[in-house]
């Protein structure tokens, strides 16, 4: 995908919205609001995974794939 002006704006909004979700997730973790914290953190991680894929940044892809797997398993276990 070529990075047009529109794509750059979408990536910019995605990374900042994802960062905000991660910050909210951290705040919810400190307030011990489980499992809502994991929903926000998973949303932020998936957003950063998308950004990593668009940037072709392997470290972001690996980090956020592992993080998403961890949060998904935690969310599933919260239902059991």
PDB file of N, CA and C in Angstrom:
ATOM      1  N   UNK A   1       0.866  -1.177   0.000  1.00  0.00           N
ATOM      2  CA  UNK A   1       0.000   0.000   0.000  1.00  0.00           C
ATOM      3  C   UNK A   1       0.905   1.230   0.000  1.00  0.00           C
ATOM      4  N   UNK A   2       0.674   2.110  -0.948  1.00  0.00           N
ATOM      5  CA  UNK A   2       1.488   3.325  -0.975  1.00  0.00           C
ATOM      6  C   UNK A   2       0.938   4.314   0.050  1.00  0.00           C
ATOM      7  N   UNK A   3       1.839   5.042   0.650  1.00  0.00           N
ATOM      8  CA  UNK A   3       1.448   5.964   1.712  1.00  0.00           C
ATOM      9  C   UNK A   3       1.054   7.319   1.113  1.00  0.00           C
ATOM     10  N   UNK A   4      -0.205   7.430   0.727  1.00  0.00           N
ATOM     11  CA  UNK A   4      -0.719   8.703   0.241  1.00  0.00           C
ATOM     12  C   UNK A   4      -0.998   9.604   1.435  1.00  0.00           C
ATOM     13  N   UNK A   5      -1.374  10.832   1.142  1.00  0.00           N
ATOM     14  CA  UNK A   5      -1.694  11.777   2.221  1.00  0.00           C
ATOM     15  C   UNK A   5      -2.829  11.234   3.079  1.00  0.00           C
ATOM     16  N   UNK A   6      -3.857  10.651   2.446  1.00  0.00           N
ATOM     17  CA  UNK A   6      -4.988  10.096   3.192  1.00  0.00           C
ATOM     18  C   UNK A   6      -4.536   8.940   4.073  1.00  0.00           C
ATOM     19  N   UNK A   7      -3.682   8.053   3.518  1.00  0.00           N
ATOM     20  CA  UNK A   7      -3.181   6.931   4.309  1.00  0.00           C
ATOM     21  C   UNK A   7      -2.346   7.405   5.489  1.00  0.00           C
ATOM     22  N   UNK A   8      -1.531   8.434   5.282  1.00  0.00           N
ATOM     23  CA  UNK A   8      -0.718   8.960   6.379  1.00  0.00           C
ATOM     24  C   UNK A   8      -1.601   9.516   7.488  1.00  0.00           C
ATOM     25  N   UNK A   9      -2.690  10.189   7.106  1.00  0.00           N
ATOM     26  CA  UNK A   9      -3.624  10.698   8.114  1.00  0.00           C
ATOM     27  C   UNK A   9      -4.299   9.558   8.866  1.00  0.00           C
ATOM     28  N   UNK A  10      -4.721   8.511   8.156  1.00  0.00           N
ATOM     29  CA  UNK A  10      -5.365   7.373   8.816  1.00  0.00           C
ATOM     30  C   UNK A  10      -4.407   6.680   9.772  1.00  0.00           C
ATOM     31  N   UNK A  11      -3.144   6.538   9.353  1.00  0.00           N
ATOM     32  CA  UNK A  11      -2.149   5.929  10.239  1.00  0.00           C
ATOM     33  C   UNK A  11      -1.931   6.811  11.459  1.00  0.00           C
ATOM     34  N   UNK A  12      -1.851   8.131  11.247  1.00  0.00           N
ATOM     35  CA  UNK A  12      -1.648   9.062  12.362  1.00  0.00           C
ATOM     36  C   UNK A  12      -2.789   8.943  13.369  1.00  0.00           C
ATOM     37  N   UNK A  13      -4.036   8.953  12.896  1.00  0.00           N
ATOM     38  CA  UNK A  13      -5.180   8.828  13.797  1.00  0.00           C
ATOM     39  C   UNK A  13      -5.221   7.450  14.461  1.00  0.00           C
ATOM     40  N   UNK A  14      -4.872   6.410  13.721  1.00  0.00           N
ATOM     41  CA  UNK A  14      -4.880   5.060  14.285  1.00  0.00           C
ATOM     42  C   UNK A  14      -3.868   4.922  15.404  1.00  0.00           C
ATOM     43  N   UNK A  15      -2.653   5.433  15.197  1.00  0.00           N
ATOM     44  CA  UNK A  15      -1.643   5.275  16.246  1.00  0.00           C
ATOM     45  C   UNK A  15      -1.984   6.095  17.486  1.00  0.00           C
ATOM     46  N   UNK A  16      -2.571   7.287  17.319  1.00  0.00           N
ATOM     47  CA  UNK A  16      -2.926   8.079  18.495  1.00  0.00           C
ATOM     48  C   UNK A  16      -4.158   7.526  19.209  1.00  0.00           C
ATOM     49  N   UNK A  17      -5.137   7.057  18.456  1.00  0.00           N
ATOM     50  CA  UNK A  17      -6.311   6.429  19.089  1.00  0.00           C
ATOM     51  C   UNK A  17      -5.893   5.157  19.814  1.00  0.00           C
ATOM     52  N   UNK A  18      -4.997   4.392  19.207  1.00  0.00           N
ATOM     53  CA  UNK A  18      -4.501   3.168  19.842  1.00  0.00           C
ATOM     54  C   UNK A  18      -3.713   3.477  21.106  1.00  0.00           C
ATOM     55  N   UNK A  19      -2.889   4.509  21.050  1.00  0.00           N
ATOM     56  CA  UNK A  19      -2.133   4.916  22.240  1.00  0.00           C
ATOM     57  C   UNK A  19      -3.074   5.349  23.361  1.00  0.00           C
ATOM     58  N   UNK A  20      -4.119   6.083  23.009  1.00  0.00           N
ATOM     59  CA  UNK A  20      -5.107   6.504  24.008  1.00  0.00           C
ATOM     60  C   UNK A  20      -5.799   5.293  24.630  1.00  0.00           C
ATOM     61  N   UNK A  21      -6.152   4.306  23.807  1.00  0.00           N
ATOM     62  CA  UNK A  21      -6.762   3.081  24.338  1.00  0.00           C
ATOM     63  C   UNK A  21      -5.822   2.375  25.293  1.00  0.00           C
ATOM     64  N   UNK A  22      -4.535   2.321  24.963  1.00  0.00           N
ATOM     65  CA  UNK A  22      -3.563   1.684  25.853  1.00  0.00           C
ATOM     66  C   UNK A  22      -3.430   2.435  27.171  1.00  0.00           C
ATOM     67  N   UNK A  23      -3.443   3.759  27.113  1.00  0.00           N
ATOM     68  CA  UNK A  23      -3.358   4.563  28.345  1.00  0.00           C
ATOM     69  C   UNK A  23      -4.594   4.345  29.213  1.00  0.00           C
ATOM     70  N   UNK A  24      -5.766   4.319  28.580  1.00  0.00           N
ATOM     71  CA  UNK A  24      -7.004   4.053  29.332  1.00  0.00           C
ATOM     72  C   UNK A  24      -6.937   2.658  29.945  1.00  0.00           C
ATOM     73  N   UNK A  25      -6.447   1.690  29.174  1.00  0.00           N
ATOM     74  CA  UNK A  25      -6.300   0.326  29.697  1.00  0.00           C
ATOM     75  C   UNK A  25      -5.372   0.262  30.889  1.00  0.00           C
ATOM     76  N   UNK A  26      -4.274   1.024  30.842  1.00  0.00           N
ATOM     77  CA  UNK A  26      -3.358   1.059  31.987  1.00  0.00           C
ATOM     78  C   UNK A  26      -4.023   1.689  33.207  1.00  0.00           C
ATOM     79  N   UNK A  27      -4.783   2.755  32.983  1.00  0.00           N
ATOM     80  CA  UNK A  27      -5.487   3.403  34.095  1.00  0.00           C
ATOM     81  C   UNK A  27      -6.507   2.456  34.705  1.00  0.00           C
ATOM     82  N   UNK A  28      -7.213   1.716  33.853  1.00  0.00           N
ATOM     83  CA  UNK A  28      -8.191   0.748  34.361  1.00  0.00           C
ATOM     84  C   UNK A  28      -7.505  -0.392  35.107  1.00  0.00           C
ATOM     85  N   UNK A  29      -6.308  -0.772  34.664  1.00  0.00           N
ATOM     86  CA  UNK A  29      -5.542  -1.797  35.375  1.00  0.00           C
ATOM     87  C   UNK A  29      -5.155  -1.300  36.761  1.00  0.00           C
ATOM     88  N   UNK A  30      -4.728  -0.051  36.844  1.00  0.00           N
ATOM     89  CA  UNK A  30      -4.336   0.482  38.154  1.00  0.00           C
ATOM     90  C   UNK A  30      -5.533   0.621  39.081  1.00  0.00           C
ATOM     91  N   UNK A  31      -6.725   0.773  38.501  1.00  0.00           N
ATOM     92  CA  UNK A  31      -7.950   0.843  39.297  1.00  0.00           C
ATOM     93  C   UNK A  31      -8.549  -0.549  39.528  1.00  0.00           C
ATOM     94  N   UNK A  32      -7.843  -1.583  39.040  1.00  0.00           N
ATOM     95  CA  UNK A  32      -8.254  -2.974  39.195  1.00  0.00           C
ATOM     96  C   UNK A  32      -9.637  -3.235  38.592  1.00  0.00           C
ATOM     97  N   UNK A  33      -9.889  -2.657  37.430  1.00  0.00           N
ATOM     98  CA  UNK A  33     -11.170  -2.855  36.740  1.00  0.00           C
ATOM     99  C   UNK A  33     -11.013  -3.918  35.658  1.00  0.00           C
ATOM    100  N   UNK A  34     -10.997  -5.145  36.115  1.00  0.00           N
ATOM    101  CA  UNK A  34     -10.822  -6.305  35.261  1.00  0.00           C
ATOM    102  C   UNK A  34     -12.187  -6.819  34.852  1.00  0.00           C
ATOM    103  N   UNK A  35     -12.468  -7.217  33.668  1.00  0.00           N
ATOM    104  CA  UNK A  35     -11.643  -7.359  32.488  1.00  0.00           C
ATOM    105  C   UNK A  35     -11.709  -6.168  31.526  1.00  0.00           C
ATOM    106  N   UNK A  36     -12.357  -5.069  31.946  1.00  0.00           N
ATOM    107  CA  UNK A  36     -12.495  -3.908  31.053  1.00  0.00           C
ATOM    108  C   UNK A  36     -11.140  -3.371  30.612  1.00  0.00           C
ATOM    109  N   UNK A  37     -10.159  -3.453  31.500  1.00  0.00           N
ATOM    110  CA  UNK A  37      -8.814  -2.995  31.140  1.00  0.00           C
ATOM    111  C   UNK A  37      -8.284  -3.762  29.934  1.00  0.00           C
ATOM    112  N   UNK A  38      -8.564  -5.064  29.877  1.00  0.00           N
ATOM    113  CA  UNK A  38      -8.044  -5.871  28.780  1.00  0.00           C
ATOM    114  C   UNK A  38      -8.724  -5.548  27.448  1.00  0.00           C
ATOM    115  N   UNK A  39      -9.982  -5.136  27.493  1.00  0.00           N
ATOM    116  CA  UNK A  39     -10.667  -4.752  26.249  1.00  0.00           C
ATOM    117  C   UNK A  39     -10.002  -3.517  25.637  1.00  0.00           C
ATOM    118  N   UNK A  40      -9.708  -2.539  26.466  1.00  0.00           N
ATOM    119  CA  UNK A  40      -9.050  -1.331  25.963  1.00  0.00           C
ATOM    120  C   UNK A  40      -7.632  -1.631  25.482  1.00  0.00           C
ATOM    121  N   UNK A  41      -6.921  -2.435  26.266  1.00  0.00           N
ATOM    122  CA  UNK A  41      -5.548  -2.740  25.873  1.00  0.00           C
ATOM    123  C   UNK A  41      -5.505  -3.572  24.595  1.00  0.00           C
ATOM    124  N   UNK A  42      -6.444  -4.505  24.438  1.00  0.00           N
ATOM    125  CA  UNK A  42      -6.493  -5.287  23.205  1.00  0.00           C
ATOM    126  C   UNK A  42      -6.796  -4.391  22.006  1.00  0.00           C
ATOM    127  N   UNK A  43      -7.704  -3.440  22.174  1.00  0.00           N
ATOM    128  CA  UNK A  43      -8.024  -2.505  21.095  1.00  0.00           C
ATOM    129  C   UNK A  43      -6.782  -1.705  20.694  1.00  0.00           C
ATOM    130  N   UNK A  44      -6.052  -1.203  21.678  1.00  0.00           N
ATOM    131  CA  UNK A  44      -4.836  -0.444  21.396  1.00  0.00           C
ATOM    132  C   UNK A  44      -3.763  -1.284  20.731  1.00  0.00           C
ATOM    133  N   UNK A  45      -3.615  -2.514  21.199  1.00  0.00           N
ATOM    134  CA  UNK A  45      -2.606  -3.417  20.635  1.00  0.00           C
ATOM    135  C   UNK A  45      -2.943  -3.741  19.176  1.00  0.00           C
ATOM    136  N   UNK A  46      -4.221  -3.996  18.891  1.00  0.00           N
ATOM    137  CA  UNK A  46      -4.614  -4.306  17.514  1.00  0.00           C
ATOM    138  C   UNK A  46      -4.384  -3.092  16.614  1.00  0.00           C
ATOM    139  N   UNK A  47      -4.680  -1.900  17.122  1.00  0.00           N
ATOM    140  CA  UNK A  47      -4.412  -0.687  16.347  1.00  0.00           C
ATOM    141  C   UNK A  47      -2.938  -0.545  16.012  1.00  0.00           C
ATOM    142  N   UNK A  48      -2.081  -0.775  17.002  1.00  0.00           N
ATOM    143  CA  UNK A  48      -0.643  -0.682  16.751  1.00  0.00           C
ATOM    144  C   UNK A  48      -0.154  -1.815  15.857  1.00  0.00           C
ATOM    145  N   UNK A  49      -0.816  -2.975  15.907  1.00  0.00           N
ATOM    146  CA  UNK A  49      -0.481  -4.061  14.991  1.00  0.00           C
ATOM    147  C   UNK A  49      -0.756  -3.648  13.545  1.00  0.00           C
ATOM    148  N   UNK A  50      -1.891  -2.988  13.321  1.00  0.00           N
ATOM    149  CA  UNK A  50      -2.230  -2.488  11.990  1.00  0.00           C
ATOM    150  C   UNK A  50      -1.189  -1.462  11.526  1.00  0.00           C
ATOM    151  N   UNK A  51      -0.821  -0.550  12.415  1.00  0.00           N
ATOM    152  CA  UNK A  51       0.194   0.453  12.070  1.00  0.00           C
ATOM    153  C   UNK A  51       1.526  -0.231  11.735  1.00  0.00           C
ATOM    154  N   UNK A  52       1.915  -1.212  12.534  1.00  0.00           N
ATOM    155  CA  UNK A  52       3.151  -1.944  12.264  1.00  0.00           C
ATOM    156  C   UNK A  52       3.127  -2.624  10.906  1.00  0.00           C
ATOM    157  N   UNK A  53       1.973  -3.177  10.547  1.00  0.00           N
ATOM    158  CA  UNK A  53       1.860  -3.820   9.235  1.00  0.00           C
ATOM    159  C   UNK A  53       1.962  -2.789   8.108  1.00  0.00           C
ATOM    160  N   UNK A  54       1.317  -1.644   8.279  1.00  0.00           N
ATOM    161  CA  UNK A  54       1.383  -0.604   7.255  1.00  0.00           C
ATOM    162  C   UNK A  54       2.795  -0.042   7.110  1.00  0.00           C
ATOM    163  N   UNK A  55       3.523   0.034   8.222  1.00  0.00           N
ATOM    164  CA  UNK A  55       4.892   0.528   8.197  1.00  0.00           C
ATOM    165  C   UNK A  55       5.907  -0.557   7.852  1.00  0.00           C
ATOM    166  N   UNK A  56       5.464  -1.820   7.767  1.00  0.00           N
ATOM    167  CA  UNK A  56       6.355  -2.958   7.539  1.00  0.00           C
ATOM    168  C   UNK A  56       7.425  -3.029   8.627  1.00  0.00           C
ATOM    169  N   UNK A  57       7.006  -2.778   9.871  1.00  0.00           N
ATOM    170  CA  UNK A  57       7.920  -2.766  11.014  1.00  0.00           C
ATOM    171  C   UNK A  57       7.771  -4.092  11.766  1.00  0.00           C
ATOM    172  N   UNK A  58       8.745  -4.978  11.565  1.00  0.00           N
ATOM    173  CA  UNK A  58       8.643  -6.325  12.136  1.00  0.00           C
ATOM    174  C   UNK A  58       8.588  -6.328  13.654  1.00  0.00           C
ATOM    175  N   UNK A  59       9.314  -5.425  14.288  1.00  0.00           N
ATOM    176  CA  UNK A  59       9.306  -5.422  15.760  1.00  0.00           C
ATOM    177  C   UNK A  59       7.919  -5.060  16.293  1.00  0.00           C
ATOM    178  N   UNK A  60       7.239  -4.096  15.670  1.00  0.00           N
ATOM    179  CA  UNK A  60       5.876  -3.765  16.088  1.00  0.00           C
ATOM    180  C   UNK A  60       4.913  -4.913  15.803  1.00  0.00           C
ATOM    181  N   UNK A  61       5.104  -5.581  14.678  1.00  0.00           N
ATOM    182  CA  UNK A  61       4.235  -6.699  14.318  1.00  0.00           C
ATOM    183  C   UNK A  61       4.377  -7.833  15.329  1.00  0.00           C
ATOM    184  N   UNK A  62       5.622  -8.203  15.644  1.00  0.00           N
ATOM    185  CA  UNK A  62       5.857  -9.299  16.589  1.00  0.00           C
ATOM    186  C   UNK A  62       5.350  -8.934  17.975  1.00  0.00           C
ATOM    187  N   UNK A  63       5.724  -7.764  18.460  1.00  0.00           N
ATOM    188  CA  UNK A  63       5.331  -7.335  19.795  1.00  0.00           C
ATOM    189  C   UNK A  63       3.810  -7.323  19.951  1.00  0.00           C
ATOM    190  N   UNK A  64       3.114  -6.741  18.987  1.00  0.00           N
ATOM    191  CA  UNK A  64       1.671  -6.589  19.125  1.00  0.00           C
ATOM    192  C   UNK A  64       0.902  -7.862  18.801  1.00  0.00           C
ATOM    193  N   UNK A  65       1.482  -8.752  17.999  1.00  0.00           N
ATOM    194  CA  UNK A  65       0.866 -10.059  17.790  1.00  0.00           C
ATOM    195  C   UNK A  65       0.913 -10.874  19.071  1.00  0.00           C
ATOM    196  N   UNK A  66       2.069 -10.880  19.724  1.00  0.00           N
ATOM    197  CA  UNK A  66       2.203 -11.593  21.002  1.00  0.00           C
ATOM    198  C   UNK A  66       1.282 -10.959  22.053  1.00  0.00           C
ATOM    199  N   UNK A  67       1.278  -9.624  22.115  1.00  0.00           N
ATOM    200  CA  UNK A  67       0.409  -8.933  23.077  1.00  0.00           C
ATOM    201  C   UNK A  67      -1.059  -9.228  22.843  1.00  0.00           C
ATOM    202  N   UNK A  68      -1.487  -9.226  21.580  1.00  0.00           N
ATOM    203  CA  UNK A  68      -2.890  -9.529  21.268  1.00  0.00           C
ATOM    204  C   UNK A  68      -3.228 -10.954  21.680  1.00  0.00           C
ATOM    205  N   UNK A  69      -2.315 -11.894  21.445  1.00  0.00           N
ATOM    206  CA  UNK A  69      -2.541 -13.284  21.847  1.00  0.00           C
ATOM    207  C   UNK A  69      -2.709 -13.394  23.360  1.00  0.00           C
ATOM    208  N   UNK A  70      -1.886 -12.687  24.097  1.00  0.00           N
ATOM    209  CA  UNK A  70      -1.962 -12.718  25.564  1.00  0.00           C
ATOM    210  C   UNK A  70      -3.289 -12.139  26.044  1.00  0.00           C
ATOM    211  N   UNK A  71      -3.681 -10.984  25.500  1.00  0.00           N
ATOM    212  CA  UNK A  71      -4.940 -10.371  25.942  1.00  0.00           C
ATOM    213  C   UNK A  71      -6.147 -11.188  25.515  1.00  0.00           C
ATOM    214  N   UNK A  72      -6.109 -11.780  24.321  1.00  0.00           N
ATOM    215  CA  UNK A  72      -7.233 -12.616  23.884  1.00  0.00           C
ATOM    216  C   UNK A  72      -7.375 -13.825  24.796  1.00  0.00           C
ATOM    217  N   UNK A  73      -6.261 -14.463  25.162  1.00  0.00           N
ATOM    218  CA  UNK A  73      -6.351 -15.606  26.074  1.00  0.00           C
ATOM    219  C   UNK A  73      -6.854 -15.176  27.443  1.00  0.00           C
ATOM    220  N   UNK A  74      -6.455 -13.993  27.903  1.00  0.00           N
ATOM    221  CA  UNK A  74      -6.960 -13.488  29.184  1.00  0.00           C
ATOM    222  C   UNK A  74      -8.439 -13.181  29.142  1.00  0.00           C
ATOM    223  N   UNK A  75      -8.897 -12.623  28.028  1.00  0.00           N
ATOM    224  CA  UNK A  75     -10.324 -12.317  27.892  1.00  0.00           C
ATOM    225  C   UNK A  75     -11.137 -13.604  27.842  1.00  0.00           C
ATOM    226  N   UNK A  76     -10.640 -14.598  27.096  1.00  0.00           N
ATOM    227  CA  UNK A  76     -11.340 -15.890  27.035  1.00  0.00           C
ATOM    228  C   UNK A  76     -11.408 -16.512  28.410  1.00  0.00           C
ATOM    229  N   UNK A  77     -10.301 -16.483  29.157  1.00  0.00           N
ATOM    230  CA  UNK A  77     -10.301 -17.094  30.498  1.00  0.00           C
ATOM    231  C   UNK A  77     -11.196 -16.333  31.466  1.00  0.00           C
ATOM    232  N   UNK A  78     -11.459 -15.050  31.198  1.00  0.00           N
ATOM    233  CA  UNK A  78     -12.351 -14.300  32.091  1.00  0.00           C
ATOM    234  C   UNK A  78     -13.805 -14.759  31.948  1.00  0.00           C
ATOM    235  N   UNK A  79     -14.127 -15.388  30.801  1.00  0.00           N
ATOM    236  CA  UNK A  79     -15.470 -15.896  30.587  1.00  0.00           C
ATOM    237  C   UNK A  79     -15.662 -17.301  31.163  1.00  0.00           C
ATOM    238  N   UNK A  80     -14.580 -17.978  31.440  1.00  0.00           N
ATOM    239  CA  UNK A  80     -14.663 -19.378  31.923  1.00  0.00           C
ATOM    240  C   UNK A  80     -14.838 -19.451  33.414  1.00  0.00           C
TER     241      UNK A  80
END
